[in-house]
PDB file of N, CA and C in Angstrom:
ATOM      1  N   MET A   1       9.848 -12.870 -21.642  1.00  0.00           N
ATOM      2  CA  MET A   1       8.659 -12.371 -20.987  1.00  0.00           C
ATOM      3  C   MET A   1       7.581 -12.169 -22.039  1.00  0.00           C
ATOM      4  N   ALA A   2       6.433 -12.738 -21.823  1.00  0.00           N
ATOM      5  CA  ALA A   2       5.327 -12.578 -22.764  1.00  0.00           C
ATOM      6  C   ALA A   2       4.898 -11.126 -22.798  1.00  0.00           C
ATOM      7  N   GLY A   3       4.687 -10.602 -23.989  1.00  0.00           N
ATOM      8  CA  GLY A   3       4.242  -9.223 -24.120  1.00  0.00           C
ATOM      9  C   GLY A   3       5.349  -8.205 -23.976  1.00  0.00           C
ATOM     10  N   SER A   4       6.605  -8.653 -23.952  1.00  0.00           N
ATOM     11  CA  SER A   4       7.704  -7.710 -23.738  1.00  0.00           C
ATOM     12  C   SER A   4       7.803  -6.681 -24.847  1.00  0.00           C
ATOM     13  N   GLU A   5       7.206  -6.967 -26.008  1.00  0.00           N
ATOM     14  CA  GLU A   5       7.219  -5.978 -27.079  1.00  0.00           C
ATOM     15  C   GLU A   5       6.355  -4.771 -26.717  1.00  0.00           C
ATOM     16  N   ASN A   6       5.545  -4.891 -25.666  1.00  0.00           N
ATOM     17  CA  ASN A   6       4.701  -3.792 -25.212  1.00  0.00           C
ATOM     18  C   ASN A   6       5.305  -3.041 -24.033  1.00  0.00           C
ATOM     19  N   VAL A   7       6.579  -3.291 -23.743  1.00  0.00           N
ATOM     20  CA  VAL A   7       7.274  -2.608 -22.657  1.00  0.00           C
ATOM     21  C   VAL A   7       8.469  -1.886 -23.263  1.00  0.00           C
ATOM     22  N   ARG A   8       8.609  -0.613 -22.952  1.00  0.00           N
ATOM     23  CA  ARG A   8       9.712   0.164 -23.494  1.00  0.00           C
ATOM     24  C   ARG A   8      10.387   0.938 -22.378  1.00  0.00           C
ATOM     25  N   GLN A   9      11.700   1.008 -22.411  1.00  0.00           N
ATOM     26  CA  GLN A   9      12.435   1.826 -21.455  1.00  0.00           C
ATOM     27  C   GLN A   9      12.591   3.208 -22.071  1.00  0.00           C
ATOM     28  N   VAL A  10      12.298   4.215 -21.282  1.00  0.00           N
ATOM     29  CA  VAL A  10      12.333   5.588 -21.768  1.00  0.00           C
ATOM     30  C   VAL A  10      13.370   6.368 -20.983  1.00  0.00           C
ATOM     31  N   CYS A  11      14.216   7.085 -21.700  1.00  0.00           N
ATOM     32  CA  CYS A  11      15.234   7.879 -21.013  1.00  0.00           C
ATOM     33  C   CYS A  11      14.589   9.096 -20.366  1.00  0.00           C
ATOM     34  N   ALA A  12      15.316   9.725 -19.458  1.00  0.00           N
ATOM     35  CA  ALA A  12      14.783  10.836 -18.675  1.00  0.00           C
ATOM     36  C   ALA A  12      14.353  12.014 -19.538  1.00  0.00           C
ATOM     37  N   ASN A  13      14.993  12.225 -20.674  1.00  0.00           N
ATOM     38  CA  ASN A  13      14.650  13.383 -21.509  1.00  0.00           C
ATOM     39  C   ASN A  13      13.718  13.002 -22.651  1.00  0.00           C
ATOM     40  N   ALA A  14      12.821  12.058 -22.415  1.00  0.00           N
ATOM     41  CA  ALA A  14      11.957  11.541 -23.474  1.00  0.00           C
ATOM     42  C   ALA A  14      10.998  12.582 -24.020  1.00  0.00           C
ATOM     43  N   SER A  15      10.835  13.708 -23.355  1.00  0.00           N
ATOM     44  CA  SER A  15       9.946  14.727 -23.883  1.00  0.00           C
ATOM     45  C   SER A  15      10.700  15.742 -24.734  1.00  0.00           C
ATOM     46  N   GLY A  16      11.969  15.525 -24.936  1.00  0.00           N
ATOM     47  CA  GLY A  16      12.797  16.449 -25.702  1.00  0.00           C
ATOM     48  C   GLY A  16      12.715  16.197 -27.194  1.00  0.00           C
ATOM     49  N   PRO A  17      13.554  16.876 -27.961  1.00  0.00           N
ATOM     50  CA  PRO A  17      13.541  16.723 -29.413  1.00  0.00           C
ATOM     51  C   PRO A  17      13.762  15.272 -29.834  1.00  0.00           C
ATOM     52  N   GLY A  18      12.984  14.828 -30.788  1.00  0.00           N
ATOM     53  CA  GLY A  18      13.121  13.479 -31.306  1.00  0.00           C
ATOM     54  C   GLY A  18      12.446  12.411 -30.473  1.00  0.00           C
ATOM     55  N   ALA A  19      11.808  12.804 -29.391  1.00  0.00           N
ATOM     56  CA  ALA A  19      11.153  11.819 -28.524  1.00  0.00           C
ATOM     57  C   ALA A  19       9.876  11.305 -29.169  1.00  0.00           C
ATOM     58  N   ASP A  20       9.513  10.096 -28.829  1.00  0.00           N
ATOM     59  CA  ASP A  20       8.259   9.510 -29.276  1.00  0.00           C
ATOM     60  C   ASP A  20       7.131  10.227 -28.539  1.00  0.00           C
ATOM     61  N   GLY A  21       6.288  10.955 -29.255  1.00  0.00           N
ATOM     62  CA  GLY A  21       5.233  11.748 -28.633  1.00  0.00           C
ATOM     63  C   GLY A  21       4.259  10.946 -27.803  1.00  0.00           C
ATOM     64  N   ASP A  22       4.092   9.649 -28.096  1.00  0.00           N
ATOM     65  CA  ASP A  22       3.175   8.818 -27.327  1.00  0.00           C
ATOM     66  C   ASP A  22       3.712   8.496 -25.940  1.00  0.00           C
ATOM     67  N   LEU A  23       4.989   8.778 -25.690  1.00  0.00           N
ATOM     68  CA  LEU A  23       5.587   8.420 -24.407  1.00  0.00           C
ATOM     69  C   LEU A  23       5.688   9.595 -23.446  1.00  0.00           C
ATOM     70  N   VAL A  24       5.096  10.717 -23.793  1.00  0.00           N
ATOM     71  CA  VAL A  24       5.127  11.884 -22.927  1.00  0.00           C
ATOM     72  C   VAL A  24       4.017  11.759 -21.886  1.00  0.00           C
ATOM     73  N   PRO A  25       4.347  11.886 -20.586  1.00  0.00           N
ATOM     74  CA  PRO A  25       3.308  11.785 -19.556  1.00  0.00           C
ATOM     75  C   PRO A  25       2.237  12.858 -19.726  1.00  0.00           C
ATOM     76  N   LEU A  26       0.978  12.450 -19.633  1.00  0.00           N
ATOM     77  CA  LEU A  26      -0.150  13.377 -19.715  1.00  0.00           C
ATOM     78  C   LEU A  26      -0.623  13.825 -18.352  1.00  0.00           C
ATOM     79  N   SER A  27      -0.303  13.072 -17.338  1.00  0.00           N
ATOM     80  CA  SER A  27      -0.768  13.383 -15.991  1.00  0.00           C
ATOM     81  C   SER A  27       0.440  13.449 -15.066  1.00  0.00           C
ATOM     82  N   PRO A  28       0.258  14.070 -13.906  1.00  0.00           N
ATOM     83  CA  PRO A  28       1.369  14.085 -12.935  1.00  0.00           C
ATOM     84  C   PRO A  28       1.703  12.662 -12.484  1.00  0.00           C
ATOM     85  N   TRP A  29       2.954  12.436 -12.144  1.00  0.00           N
ATOM     86  CA  TRP A  29       3.353  11.149 -11.581  1.00  0.00           C
ATOM     87  C   TRP A  29       2.728  11.038 -10.200  1.00  0.00           C
ATOM     88  N   ARG A  30       2.238   9.849  -9.864  1.00  0.00           N
ATOM     89  CA  ARG A  30       1.615   9.663  -8.554  1.00  0.00           C
ATOM     90  C   ARG A  30       1.988   8.310  -7.958  1.00  0.00           C
ATOM     91  N   LYS A  31       1.988   8.276  -6.627  1.00  0.00           N
ATOM     92  CA  LYS A  31       2.269   7.048  -5.877  1.00  0.00           C
ATOM     93  C   LYS A  31       0.969   6.520  -5.302  1.00  0.00           C
ATOM     94  N   SER A  32       0.937   5.245  -5.044  1.00  0.00           N
ATOM     95  CA  SER A  32      -0.219   4.627  -4.420  1.00  0.00           C
ATOM     96  C   SER A  32      -0.428   5.191  -3.019  1.00  0.00           C
ATOM     97  N   SER A  33      -1.682   5.290  -2.629  1.00  0.00           N
ATOM     98  CA  SER A  33      -1.984   5.728  -1.266  1.00  0.00           C
ATOM     99  C   SER A  33      -1.551   4.671  -0.255  1.00  0.00           C
ATOM    100  N   TYR A  34      -1.239   3.458  -0.713  1.00  0.00           N
ATOM    101  CA  TYR A  34      -0.766   2.389   0.161  1.00  0.00           C
ATOM    102  C   TYR A  34       0.744   2.417   0.345  1.00  0.00           C
ATOM    103  N   SER A  35       1.423   3.317  -0.328  1.00  0.00           N
ATOM    104  CA  SER A  35       2.883   3.385  -0.238  1.00  0.00           C
ATOM    105  C   SER A  35       3.307   3.868   1.133  1.00  0.00           C
ATOM    106  N   GLY A  36       4.424   3.335   1.586  1.00  0.00           N
ATOM    107  CA  GLY A  36       4.987   3.800   2.843  1.00  0.00           C
ATOM    108  C   GLY A  36       5.825   5.043   2.616  1.00  0.00           C
ATOM    109  N   TYR A  37       6.478   5.496   3.647  1.00  0.00           N
ATOM    110  CA  TYR A  37       7.306   6.703   3.544  1.00  0.00           C
ATOM    111  C   TYR A  37       8.790   6.377   3.537  1.00  0.00           C
ATOM    112  N   ASN A  38       9.138   5.128   3.210  1.00  0.00           N
ATOM    113  CA  ASN A  38      10.546   4.744   3.207  1.00  0.00           C
ATOM    114  C   ASN A  38      11.216   4.978   1.856  1.00  0.00           C
ATOM    115  N   GLY A  39      10.473   5.479   0.875  1.00  0.00           N
ATOM    116  CA  GLY A  39      11.053   5.786  -0.429  1.00  0.00           C
ATOM    117  C   GLY A  39      11.122   4.604  -1.381  1.00  0.00           C
ATOM    118  N   SER A  40      10.675   3.431  -0.955  1.00  0.00           N
ATOM    119  CA  SER A  40      10.715   2.245  -1.827  1.00  0.00           C
ATOM    120  C   SER A  40       9.404   2.118  -2.591  1.00  0.00           C
ATOM    121  N   CYS A  41       9.157   3.058  -3.458  1.00  0.00           N
ATOM    122  CA  CYS A  41       7.889   3.094  -4.169  1.00  0.00           C
ATOM    123  C   CYS A  41       8.128   3.300  -5.657  1.00  0.00           C
ATOM    124  N   VAL A  42       7.108   3.003  -6.420  1.00  0.00           N
ATOM    125  CA  VAL A  42       7.110   3.369  -7.824  1.00  0.00           C
ATOM    126  C   VAL A  42       6.010   4.404  -8.016  1.00  0.00           C
ATOM    127  N   GLU A  43       6.150   5.189  -9.072  1.00  0.00           N
ATOM    128  CA  GLU A  43       5.149   6.174  -9.437  1.00  0.00           C
ATOM    129  C   GLU A  43       4.624   5.825 -10.822  1.00  0.00           C
ATOM    130  N   VAL A  44       3.382   6.167 -11.083  1.00  0.00           N
ATOM    131  CA  VAL A  44       2.783   5.891 -12.386  1.00  0.00           C
ATOM    132  C   VAL A  44       2.192   7.174 -12.971  1.00  0.00           C
ATOM    133  N   ALA A  45       2.104   7.211 -14.299  1.00  0.00           N
ATOM    134  CA  ALA A  45       1.472   8.329 -15.004  1.00  0.00           C
ATOM    135  C   ALA A  45       0.873   7.805 -16.304  1.00  0.00           C
ATOM    136  N   HIS A  46      -0.236   8.392 -16.707  1.00  0.00           N
ATOM    137  CA  HIS A  46      -0.812   8.073 -18.017  1.00  0.00           C
ATOM    138  C   HIS A  46       0.068   8.716 -19.078  1.00  0.00           C
ATOM    139  N   LEU A  47       0.297   8.002 -20.172  1.00  0.00           N
ATOM    140  CA  LEU A  47       1.093   8.521 -21.271  1.00  0.00           C
ATOM    141  C   LEU A  47       0.175   8.998 -22.392  1.00  0.00           C
ATOM    142  N   ARG A  48       0.707   9.836 -23.258  1.00  0.00           N
ATOM    143  CA  ARG A  48      -0.090  10.425 -24.331  1.00  0.00           C
ATOM    144  C   ARG A  48      -0.766   9.365 -25.199  1.00  0.00           C
ATOM    145  N   GLY A  49      -0.104   8.276 -25.477  1.00  0.00           N
ATOM    146  CA  GLY A  49      -0.728   7.202 -26.252  1.00  0.00           C
ATOM    147  C   GLY A  49      -1.745   6.488 -25.382  1.00  0.00           C
ATOM    148  N   THR A  50      -1.727   5.194 -25.390  1.00  0.00           N
ATOM    149  CA  THR A  50      -2.654   4.425 -24.553  1.00  0.00           C
ATOM    150  C   THR A  50      -1.895   3.648 -23.506  1.00  0.00           C
ATOM    151  N   GLY A  51      -0.796   4.186 -23.061  1.00  0.00           N
ATOM    152  CA  GLY A  51       0.052   3.451 -22.135  1.00  0.00           C
ATOM    153  C   GLY A  51       0.155   4.074 -20.764  1.00  0.00           C
ATOM    154  N   ILE A  52       0.946   3.395 -19.939  1.00  0.00           N
ATOM    155  CA  ILE A  52       1.220   3.810 -18.569  1.00  0.00           C
ATOM    156  C   ILE A  52       2.731   3.850 -18.392  1.00  0.00           C
ATOM    157  N   GLY A  53       3.221   4.910 -17.766  1.00  0.00           N
ATOM    158  CA  GLY A  53       4.632   5.003 -17.423  1.00  0.00           C
ATOM    159  C   GLY A  53       4.823   4.646 -15.960  1.00  0.00           C
ATOM    160  N   VAL A  54       5.915   3.944 -15.646  1.00  0.00           N
ATOM    161  CA  VAL A  54       6.235   3.548 -14.274  1.00  0.00           C
ATOM    162  C   VAL A  54       7.684   3.929 -14.024  1.00  0.00           C
ATOM    163  N   ARG A  55       7.937   4.631 -12.905  1.00  0.00           N
ATOM    164  CA  ARG A  55       9.306   5.025 -12.573  1.00  0.00           C
ATOM    165  C   ARG A  55       9.589   4.825 -11.091  1.00  0.00           C
ATOM    166  N   ASP A  56      10.851   4.812 -10.746  1.00  0.00           N
ATOM    167  CA  ASP A  56      11.318   4.664  -9.370  1.00  0.00           C
ATOM    168  C   ASP A  56      11.198   6.012  -8.672  1.00  0.00           C
ATOM    169  N   SER A  57      10.463   6.059  -7.575  1.00  0.00           N
ATOM    170  CA  SER A  57      10.267   7.333  -6.880  1.00  0.00           C
ATOM    171  C   SER A  57      11.556   7.862  -6.251  1.00  0.00           C
ATOM    172  N   LYS A  58      12.527   6.978  -5.985  1.00  0.00           N
ATOM    173  CA  LYS A  58      13.798   7.426  -5.404  1.00  0.00           C
ATOM    174  C   LYS A  58      14.705   8.071  -6.439  1.00  0.00           C
ATOM    175  N   ASN A  59      14.478   7.774  -7.712  1.00  0.00           N
ATOM    176  CA  ASN A  59      15.344   8.275  -8.771  1.00  0.00           C
ATOM    177  C   ASN A  59      14.504   8.635 -10.007  1.00  0.00           C
ATOM    178  N   PRO A  60      13.624   9.642  -9.882  1.00  0.00           N
ATOM    179  CA  PRO A  60      12.705   9.953 -10.975  1.00  0.00           C
ATOM    180  C   PRO A  60      13.395  10.449 -12.242  1.00  0.00           C
ATOM    181  N   GLY A  61      14.587  10.968 -12.131  1.00  0.00           N
ATOM    182  CA  GLY A  61      15.303  11.462 -13.293  1.00  0.00           C
ATOM    183  C   GLY A  61      15.957  10.376 -14.123  1.00  0.00           C
ATOM    184  N   ALA A  62      15.905   9.134 -13.673  1.00  0.00           N
ATOM    185  CA  ALA A  62      16.567   8.030 -14.373  1.00  0.00           C
ATOM    186  C   ALA A  62      15.753   7.491 -15.542  1.00  0.00           C
ATOM    187  N   GLY A  63      14.546   7.988 -15.735  1.00  0.00           N
ATOM    188  CA  GLY A  63      13.696   7.505 -16.807  1.00  0.00           C
ATOM    189  C   GLY A  63      12.591   6.618 -16.273  1.00  0.00           C
ATOM    190  N   TRP A  64      11.887   5.963 -17.193  1.00  0.00           N
ATOM    191  CA  TRP A  64      10.776   5.126 -16.779  1.00  0.00           C
ATOM    192  C   TRP A  64      10.548   4.022 -17.783  1.00  0.00           C
ATOM    193  N   LEU A  65       9.701   3.090 -17.388  1.00  0.00           N
ATOM    194  CA  LEU A  65       9.256   2.029 -18.289  1.00  0.00           C
ATOM    195  C   LEU A  65       7.874   2.400 -18.798  1.00  0.00           C
ATOM    196  N   ALA A  66       7.632   2.170 -20.062  1.00  0.00           N
ATOM    197  CA  ALA A  66       6.329   2.442 -20.663  1.00  0.00           C
ATOM    198  C   ALA A  66       5.673   1.108 -20.999  1.00  0.00           C
ATOM    199  N   PHE A  67       4.471   0.912 -20.493  1.00  0.00           N
ATOM    200  CA  PHE A  67       3.720  -0.317 -20.715  1.00  0.00           C
ATOM    201  C   PHE A  67       2.491  -0.017 -21.557  1.00  0.00           C
ATOM    202  N   GLY A  68       2.189  -0.886 -22.505  1.00  0.00           N
ATOM    203  CA  GLY A  68       0.951  -0.775 -23.260  1.00  0.00           C
ATOM    204  C   GLY A  68      -0.233  -0.979 -22.328  1.00  0.00           C
ATOM    205  N   ALA A  69      -1.363  -0.396 -22.674  1.00  0.00           N
ATOM    206  CA  ALA A  69      -2.550  -0.486 -21.815  1.00  0.00           C
ATOM    207  C   ALA A  69      -2.968  -1.930 -21.558  1.00  0.00           C
ATOM    208  N   ASP A  70      -2.850  -2.797 -22.559  1.00  0.00           N
ATOM    209  CA  ASP A  70      -3.252  -4.198 -22.381  1.00  0.00           C
ATOM    210  C   ASP A  70      -2.339  -4.924 -21.397  1.00  0.00           C
ATOM    211  N   VAL A  71      -1.054  -4.627 -21.457  1.00  0.00           N
ATOM    212  CA  VAL A  71      -0.092  -5.245 -20.532  1.00  0.00           C
ATOM    213  C   VAL A  71      -0.341  -4.737 -19.116  1.00  0.00           C
ATOM    214  N   TRP A  72      -0.585  -3.440 -18.970  1.00  0.00           N
ATOM    215  CA  TRP A  72      -0.840  -2.854 -17.653  1.00  0.00           C
ATOM    216  C   TRP A  72      -2.122  -3.433 -17.056  1.00  0.00           C
ATOM    217  N   ASP A  73      -3.170  -3.552 -17.853  1.00  0.00           N
ATOM    218  CA  ASP A  73      -4.426  -4.136 -17.370  1.00  0.00           C
ATOM    219  C   ASP A  73      -4.226  -5.577 -16.910  1.00  0.00           C
ATOM    220  N   ALA A  74      -3.426  -6.348 -17.657  1.00  0.00           N
ATOM    221  CA  ALA A  74      -3.140  -7.737 -17.265  1.00  0.00           C
ATOM    222  C   ALA A  74      -2.366  -7.771 -15.947  1.00  0.00           C
ATOM    223  N   PHE A  75      -1.419  -6.863 -15.769  1.00  0.00           N
ATOM    224  CA  PHE A  75      -0.662  -6.783 -14.523  1.00  0.00           C
ATOM    225  C   PHE A  75      -1.593  -6.466 -13.352  1.00  0.00           C
ATOM    226  N   LEU A  76      -2.455  -5.460 -13.504  1.00  0.00           N
ATOM    227  CA  LEU A  76      -3.369  -5.092 -12.424  1.00  0.00           C
ATOM    228  C   LEU A  76      -4.311  -6.241 -12.074  1.00  0.00           C
ATOM    229  N   SER A  77      -4.778  -6.957 -13.079  1.00  0.00           N
ATOM    230  CA  SER A  77      -5.639  -8.119 -12.822  1.00  0.00           C
ATOM    231  C   SER A  77      -4.886  -9.174 -12.024  1.00  0.00           C
ATOM    232  N   GLY A  78      -3.617  -9.396 -12.375  1.00  0.00           N
ATOM    233  CA  GLY A  78      -2.794 -10.354 -11.641  1.00  0.00           C
ATOM    234  C   GLY A  78      -2.596  -9.946 -10.193  1.00  0.00           C
ATOM    235  N   VAL A  79      -2.382  -8.654  -9.957  1.00  0.00           N
ATOM    236  CA  VAL A  79      -2.226  -8.159  -8.576  1.00  0.00           C
ATOM    237  C   VAL A  79      -3.507  -8.405  -7.798  1.00  0.00           C
ATOM    238  N   LYS A  80      -4.635  -8.048  -8.382  1.00  0.00           N
ATOM    239  CA  LYS A  80      -5.929  -8.220  -7.705  1.00  0.00           C
ATOM    240  C   LYS A  80      -6.249  -9.685  -7.432  1.00  0.00           C
ATOM    241  N   ASN A  81      -5.755 -10.580  -8.299  1.00  0.00           N
ATOM    242  CA  ASN A  81      -5.997 -12.019  -8.129  1.00  0.00           C
ATOM    243  C   ASN A  81      -4.973 -12.710  -7.260  1.00  0.00           C
ATOM    244  N   GLY A  82      -4.009 -11.959  -6.723  1.00  0.00           N
ATOM    245  CA  GLY A  82      -3.013 -12.533  -5.830  1.00  0.00           C
ATOM    246  C   GLY A  82      -1.895 -13.295  -6.513  1.00  0.00           C
ATOM    247  N   GLU A  83      -1.707 -13.091  -7.815  1.00  0.00           N
ATOM    248  CA  GLU A  83      -0.686 -13.831  -8.546  1.00  0.00           C
ATOM    249  C   GLU A  83       0.744 -13.463  -8.136  1.00  0.00           C
ATOM    250  N   PHE A  84       0.927 -12.324  -7.498  1.00  0.00           N
ATOM    251  CA  PHE A  84       2.268 -11.882  -7.144  1.00  0.00           C
ATOM    252  C   PHE A  84       2.498 -11.854  -5.641  1.00  0.00           C
ATOM    253  N   THR A  85       1.618 -12.499  -4.882  1.00  0.00           N
ATOM    254  CA  THR A  85       1.755 -12.555  -3.433  1.00  0.00           C
ATOM    255  C   THR A  85       2.976 -13.383  -3.056  1.00  0.00           C
ATOM    256  N   ILE A  86       3.786 -12.834  -2.186  1.00  0.00           N
ATOM    257  CA  ILE A  86       5.008 -13.519  -1.745  1.00  0.00           C
ATOM    258  C   ILE A  86       4.713 -14.214  -0.422  1.00  0.00           C
ATOM    259  N   SER A  87       4.932 -15.506  -0.398  1.00  0.00           N
ATOM    260  CA  SER A  87       4.733 -16.281   0.829  1.00  0.00           C
ATOM    261  C   SER A  87       5.974 -16.151   1.711  1.00  0.00           C
ATOM    262  N   SER A  88       5.761 -16.064   3.005  1.00  0.00           N
ATOM    263  CA  SER A  88       6.920 -15.961   3.912  1.00  0.00           C
ATOM    264  C   SER A  88       7.271 -17.280   4.536  1.00  0.00           C
TER     265      SER A  88
END
């Protein structure tokens, strides 16, 4: 995966001793207003560095993925451009 060096998996206790300070969420985790109520959602939060954290809303204690700001911006651009649209 291109840019995979900008994606990191973070364990649930990443804010504990020895944690990378740039990976601590600065904002509350939030879901998209477009999310349904079936629990199949992801949540996002800004991280202390310049990244974004993404976690599974059904299992928030399992940790999260940390994306660099450039990777996250590229992903959002792809979503807006329809690059991930699934044809039925």
